[in-house]
Amino acid sequence: MIAITFTPPVNTPVSIEELKRQLRLEVDPSEWDVMLDMYITATVATFEQLTGRALMSRTMTMTGKPDSNNIALKGWPVTTVVDVKYYDAANPLQTMAADNYELNLTVIPATLHIKSMPQLYDRFDAMTIIYSAGYASAKEVPADIRAAILVGAASKYEQPVDSIQSLPSVFYNIVNNNK
């Protein structure tokens, strides 16, 4: 099944001000804010892509034809399932009753267990799961992840040409610890 972000996050795990402190910028060069925000956003995107995590709260959808009753939801941590829709054997769109599925948040990735899988119509978008994933606030993001974002964004600032090809090894160490 394919996962996409339906409603993107509003915030990032670290702020521009935190990155300025990391860089020890003593003046308030607000003209750099757009660039620093871009470095934070790019570093967050890299971290999420490498780990499969969703750092900040967002609404996600997974669409496809599941091959089992247990569906691994991308974008850990998952917080809740909003809706499960499917095309039944006759092809009309149906909404699955909430008592027909269970969300297992004790595993990574979180798993949606369909208790009784309905007969699905043979189409690429036979089932759509809408769910919430990510931390509710930057303060909930684990400290090591926030540190990795700061180090990565600072590296992009300090060595913009080199950072396109490589981030500091501490960034990748934290990525590997959070897969």
Foldseek 3Di string as FASTA:
>chain_A
DDKDFPFAFPDALDALVVLCVVLVPPDCPVVCRVVLVVLLVVLQVVLCVLQQARAEKTKMKDFFDDPAQKDQDTHPPFDWWDWKWFQAQVGDIDTDDPVQWDWARPDVRIIIGGNDDGHFHPDGGGMMIMTMHHDHHSVPRDPLQSVLSSQLSNCCVVPVVVSVPHGDVSNVVSSVVRD
